[in-house]
Protein backbone atom coordinates (compact mmCIF):
# COMPACT_ATOMS: atom_id res chain seq x y z
CA MET A 1 177.47 92.74 -144.23
CA ASN A 2 175.54 89.64 -145.35
CA THR A 3 172.29 91.50 -144.71
CA LEU A 4 173.42 94.42 -146.87
CA VAL A 5 174.46 92.07 -149.66
CA ARG A 6 171.14 90.20 -149.55
CA THR A 7 169.25 93.50 -149.58
CA TYR A 8 171.22 94.71 -152.58
CA TRP A 9 170.68 91.55 -154.61
CA PHE A 10 166.98 91.36 -153.80
CA ALA A 11 166.53 95.02 -154.77
CA LEU A 12 168.38 94.33 -158.02
CA PHE A 13 166.24 91.25 -158.63
CA THR A 14 163.01 93.20 -158.00
CA LEU A 15 164.15 96.03 -160.26
CA HIS A 16 165.08 93.55 -163.00
CA GLU A 17 161.68 91.87 -162.77
CA TYR A 18 159.93 95.23 -162.90
CA LEU A 19 161.85 96.28 -165.99
CA ARG A 20 161.53 92.87 -167.67
CA SER A 21 157.77 92.79 -167.16
CA GLY A 22 157.37 96.04 -169.08
CA ARG A 23 155.62 97.87 -166.24
CA VAL A 24 158.19 100.63 -166.44
CA VAL A 25 156.65 101.67 -169.77
CA VAL A 26 153.97 103.51 -167.77
CA GLU A 27 156.59 105.66 -166.02
CA LEU A 28 158.45 106.28 -169.28
CA ALA A 29 155.26 107.31 -171.06
CA ALA A 30 154.21 109.58 -168.19
CA THR A 31 157.65 111.21 -168.17
CA ALA A 32 157.53 111.78 -171.91
CA VAL A 33 154.05 113.32 -171.70
CA ALA A 34 155.07 115.54 -168.78
CA TYR A 35 158.15 116.71 -170.67
CA TYR A 36 156.08 117.57 -173.74
CA LEU A 37 153.39 119.40 -171.81
CA PHE A 38 155.39 121.21 -169.14
CA PHE A 39 159.10 121.32 -169.98
CA ARG A 40 159.45 121.60 -173.74
CA ARG A 41 160.65 124.97 -175.03
CA TRP A 42 157.65 126.95 -176.20
CA THR A 43 158.31 130.69 -176.26
CA MET A 44 161.02 131.45 -173.71
CA PRO A 45 163.71 129.64 -171.68
CA MET A 46 162.55 127.86 -168.55
CA THR A 47 163.34 129.28 -165.13
CA PRO A 48 164.80 127.04 -162.41
CA GLU A 49 161.91 127.90 -160.07
CA TYR A 50 159.37 126.62 -162.58
CA PHE A 51 161.34 123.45 -163.32
CA PHE A 52 161.95 122.36 -159.74
CA SER A 53 158.42 123.14 -158.55
CA THR A 54 156.76 121.35 -161.47
CA ALA A 55 159.25 118.47 -161.59
CA GLY A 56 158.93 118.02 -157.84
CA LEU A 57 155.14 117.67 -157.98
CA PHE A 58 155.29 115.37 -161.01
CA SER A 59 157.96 113.15 -159.46
CA LEU A 60 155.99 112.76 -156.22
CA GLY A 61 152.84 111.86 -158.13
CA LEU A 62 154.70 109.31 -160.25
CA THR A 63 156.31 107.85 -157.11
CA VAL A 64 152.86 107.03 -155.72
CA TYR A 65 152.11 104.90 -158.80
CA THR A 66 155.53 103.23 -158.83
CA ALA A 67 155.43 102.43 -155.12
CA SER A 68 151.94 100.94 -155.32
CA THR A 69 152.97 98.75 -158.26
CA VAL A 70 156.31 97.52 -156.91
CA LEU A 71 155.02 96.93 -153.37
CA ALA A 72 152.09 94.99 -154.83
CA LEU A 73 154.65 92.69 -156.47
CA GLY A 74 156.09 92.01 -153.02
CA ASP A 75 152.69 91.42 -151.48
CA ARG A 76 152.19 88.08 -153.20
CA ALA A 77 152.27 84.47 -152.08
CA VAL A 78 155.57 83.92 -153.91
CA GLY A 79 157.11 86.12 -151.23
CA TYR A 80 156.92 83.22 -148.79
CA VAL A 81 159.35 81.29 -150.98
CA VAL A 82 161.74 84.24 -151.20
CA LEU A 83 161.69 84.78 -147.43
CA ALA A 84 162.26 81.06 -146.83
CA ARG A 85 165.55 81.33 -148.73
CA ARG A 86 167.17 83.07 -145.72
CA LEU A 87 166.54 86.54 -147.05
CA GLY A 88 164.90 87.87 -143.90
CA ARG A 89 162.10 90.37 -143.47
CA ALA A 90 164.19 93.53 -143.25
CA PRO A 91 166.12 92.88 -146.50
CA TYR A 92 162.84 91.89 -148.18
CA LEU A 93 161.10 95.15 -147.32
CA LEU A 94 164.16 97.32 -147.89
CA GLY A 95 164.79 95.62 -151.23
CA LEU A 96 161.30 96.58 -152.39
CA TYR A 97 161.87 100.11 -151.10
CA LEU A 98 165.16 100.47 -152.95
CA ALA A 99 163.59 99.17 -156.18
CA VAL A 100 160.89 101.84 -155.97
CA LEU A 101 163.51 104.47 -155.26
CA ALA A 102 165.62 103.37 -158.24
CA VAL A 103 162.68 103.72 -160.64
CA ALA A 104 161.48 107.04 -159.19
CA TRP A 105 164.94 108.61 -159.16
CA GLY A 106 165.63 107.15 -162.59
CA MET A 107 162.56 108.84 -164.09
CA TYR A 108 163.62 112.14 -162.57
CA ALA A 109 167.09 111.66 -164.09
CA VAL A 110 165.51 111.01 -167.51
CA LEU A 111 163.45 114.18 -167.18
CA CYS A 112 166.52 116.21 -166.19
CA LEU A 113 168.47 114.82 -169.13
CA LEU A 114 165.72 115.75 -171.59
CA VAL A 115 165.52 119.27 -170.19
CA ALA A 116 169.30 119.73 -170.11
CA VAL A 117 169.63 118.70 -173.76
CA THR A 118 166.64 120.51 -175.26
CA ASN A 119 165.70 123.38 -172.93
CA PRO A 120 168.43 124.24 -170.38
CA LEU A 121 167.41 126.15 -167.30
CA GLN A 122 167.84 129.89 -167.60
CA GLY A 123 170.80 131.21 -165.61
CA SER A 124 171.37 127.92 -163.82
CA GLY A 125 174.59 125.94 -163.73
CA PHE A 126 175.44 122.44 -162.58
CA VAL A 127 175.80 123.49 -158.93
CA ASP A 128 172.35 125.09 -158.88
CA TRP A 129 170.91 121.96 -160.45
CA VAL A 130 172.46 119.80 -157.73
CA LEU A 131 171.27 122.13 -154.95
CA GLY A 132 167.72 121.94 -156.24
CA THR A 133 167.84 118.19 -156.82
CA ILE A 134 169.05 117.05 -153.37
CA PRO A 135 165.95 118.02 -151.33
CA LEU A 136 163.69 116.87 -154.17
CA LEU A 137 165.23 113.39 -154.17
CA LEU A 138 165.01 113.24 -150.39
CA ASN A 139 161.30 114.09 -150.57
CA ILE A 140 160.84 111.23 -153.04
CA ALA A 141 162.66 108.93 -150.61
CA LEU A 142 160.46 110.15 -147.75
CA LEU A 143 157.24 109.60 -149.67
CA THR A 144 158.41 106.13 -150.70
CA ALA A 145 159.19 105.27 -147.07
CA PHE A 146 155.74 106.46 -145.99
CA LEU A 147 154.03 104.42 -148.72
CA THR A 148 156.10 101.39 -147.71
CA LEU A 149 154.88 101.83 -144.15
CA LEU A 150 151.26 101.96 -145.33
CA THR A 151 151.41 98.81 -147.45
CA PRO A 152 149.01 96.07 -146.21
CA MET A 153 151.81 93.61 -145.49
CA VAL A 154 153.42 96.07 -143.06
CA LEU A 155 150.48 97.60 -141.19
CA SER A 156 147.05 96.08 -140.62
CA ALA A 157 143.98 97.99 -141.75
CA PRO A 158 143.21 99.58 -138.33
CA TRP A 159 146.76 100.85 -137.97
CA ARG A 160 146.80 102.20 -141.52
CA LEU A 161 143.58 104.08 -140.83
CA ALA A 162 145.06 105.44 -137.59
CA VAL A 163 148.18 106.71 -139.38
CA LEU A 164 146.08 108.30 -142.14
CA ALA A 165 143.85 109.91 -139.52
CA LEU A 166 146.89 111.47 -137.84
CA VAL A 167 148.14 112.77 -141.18
CA ALA A 168 144.69 114.18 -141.95
CA LEU A 169 144.66 115.89 -138.57
CA ALA A 170 148.06 117.42 -139.29
CA PHE A 171 146.69 118.85 -142.56
CA SER A 172 143.40 119.96 -141.04
CA GLY A 173 144.50 123.57 -140.65
CA SER A 174 142.87 124.54 -143.95
CA LEU A 175 139.66 122.71 -143.07
CA ILE A 176 139.25 123.41 -139.37
CA GLY A 177 140.18 126.99 -138.71
CA GLY A 178 138.84 130.51 -138.51
CA SER A 179 135.17 130.63 -137.63
CA THR A 180 134.94 126.83 -137.42
CA LEU A 181 137.69 126.65 -134.81
CA SER A 182 136.31 129.60 -132.85
CA SER A 183 132.88 127.96 -132.65
CA LEU A 184 134.30 124.98 -130.78
CA PRO A 185 134.57 124.96 -126.97
CA GLU A 186 137.83 126.54 -125.89
CA PRO A 187 139.40 123.37 -124.38
CA VAL A 188 138.58 121.44 -127.57
CA ALA A 189 139.95 124.21 -129.79
CA VAL A 190 143.18 124.45 -127.76
CA ALA A 191 143.65 120.67 -127.72
CA LEU A 192 143.02 120.47 -131.47
CA ASP A 193 145.50 123.25 -132.16
CA VAL A 194 148.17 121.64 -129.97
CA MET A 195 147.68 118.21 -131.57
CA ARG A 196 147.81 119.74 -135.03
CA THR A 197 151.06 121.55 -134.20
CA ILE A 198 152.66 118.39 -132.80
CA LEU A 199 151.57 116.19 -135.69
CA SER A 200 152.60 118.67 -138.38
CA ALA A 201 156.12 119.09 -136.95
CA PRO A 202 157.48 115.88 -138.58
CA LEU A 203 156.12 117.07 -141.93
CA LEU A 204 158.01 120.37 -141.74
CA PRO A 205 161.27 119.05 -143.30
CA ALA A 206 159.33 117.77 -146.33
CA PHE A 207 157.59 121.08 -147.01
CA THR A 208 160.71 123.10 -146.25
CA GLY A 209 162.71 120.81 -148.51
CA PHE A 210 160.30 121.48 -151.36
CA ALA A 211 160.69 125.22 -150.82
CA ILE A 212 164.49 124.92 -150.77
CA SER A 213 164.40 122.85 -153.95
CA VAL A 214 162.58 125.70 -155.69
CA SER A 215 164.66 128.54 -154.23
CA ARG A 216 167.99 126.65 -153.86
CA ASP A 217 168.71 128.91 -150.89
CA TYR A 218 170.64 127.11 -148.15
CA ARG A 219 171.45 130.11 -146.02
CA GLY A 220 170.90 129.98 -142.28
CA ALA A 221 168.85 127.14 -140.82
CA SER A 222 167.92 125.90 -144.30
CA ALA A 223 171.29 124.16 -144.50
CA VAL A 224 170.18 121.49 -142.01
CA VAL A 225 166.87 120.73 -143.75
CA PRO A 226 168.30 117.97 -146.00
CA VAL A 227 169.77 116.36 -142.89
CA ALA A 228 166.36 116.51 -141.21
CA GLN A 229 164.79 114.99 -144.33
CA LEU A 230 167.33 112.16 -144.27
CA PHE A 231 166.73 111.39 -140.59
CA LEU A 232 162.98 111.45 -141.18
CA VAL A 233 163.40 108.93 -144.01
CA ILE A 234 165.46 106.67 -141.74
CA GLY A 235 162.90 106.98 -138.94
CA VAL A 236 159.92 106.09 -141.13
CA LEU A 237 161.82 103.18 -142.69
CA ALA A 238 162.89 101.90 -139.27
CA PHE A 239 159.29 101.98 -138.07
CA ALA A 240 158.17 100.15 -141.23
CA VAL A 241 160.81 97.44 -140.78
CA TYR A 242 159.94 97.06 -137.09
CA SER A 243 156.22 96.76 -137.85
CA PHE A 244 156.85 94.27 -140.65
CA ALA A 245 159.02 92.13 -138.37
CA LYS A 246 156.47 92.07 -135.53
CA ARG A 247 153.20 91.33 -137.29
CA GLU A 248 151.99 87.97 -138.56
CA LEU A 249 153.04 87.64 -142.17
CA VAL A 250 150.03 87.29 -144.46
CA PHE A 251 150.54 88.26 -148.08
CA SER A 252 147.33 89.40 -149.71
CA GLY A 253 148.18 88.88 -153.37
């Protein structure tokens, strides 16, 4: 319970510092520009499919900026003082994660509010809005967890490169395929295909969640996708906390 309380207060402190410093103006300006360009009523009402697909891509892109900024605040020498005050490494990292999540989800909430007031979704009620929002928010949480894992204070440069190489291999289907794959020796082609299948499996809940957010169709196996997204978030965060606790602490800022 003490750990949860310390995590909460450190996340609140980080969020307060982020807002007080004025850095959040970038997210607010980006949200306002995105609303004007993509979500303002122009000639016809907006469809839910268009909103959730566009808002999902925008929110993920904005999360990358927010995560890099907030995590950079934690990767400073002043962090030694904070950790020495009995905070602990896990609450420190999770507090930064929760601060990023609060800003990213908050900007999505602002965007939804603007759209709901000025250009409501065509043929979509509150339930449909919730069904489309849940997997989108979970994807934001998953991306934030992955970016937290890749921060320099959690993983060293060789390990970060190794993780990025595995992700690149999982996405290599569009680059290494067809005639390129057939030109390789058969054992190499088979091994590459197997590795790509294994590595892309953990990414399936994220892509499926994006599709469900757009379609809002939870029939059949789609109903368990948000649960898979949640467990994937927990798994990535657990690995990040474990790695942060095991490595020698050297803040780079």
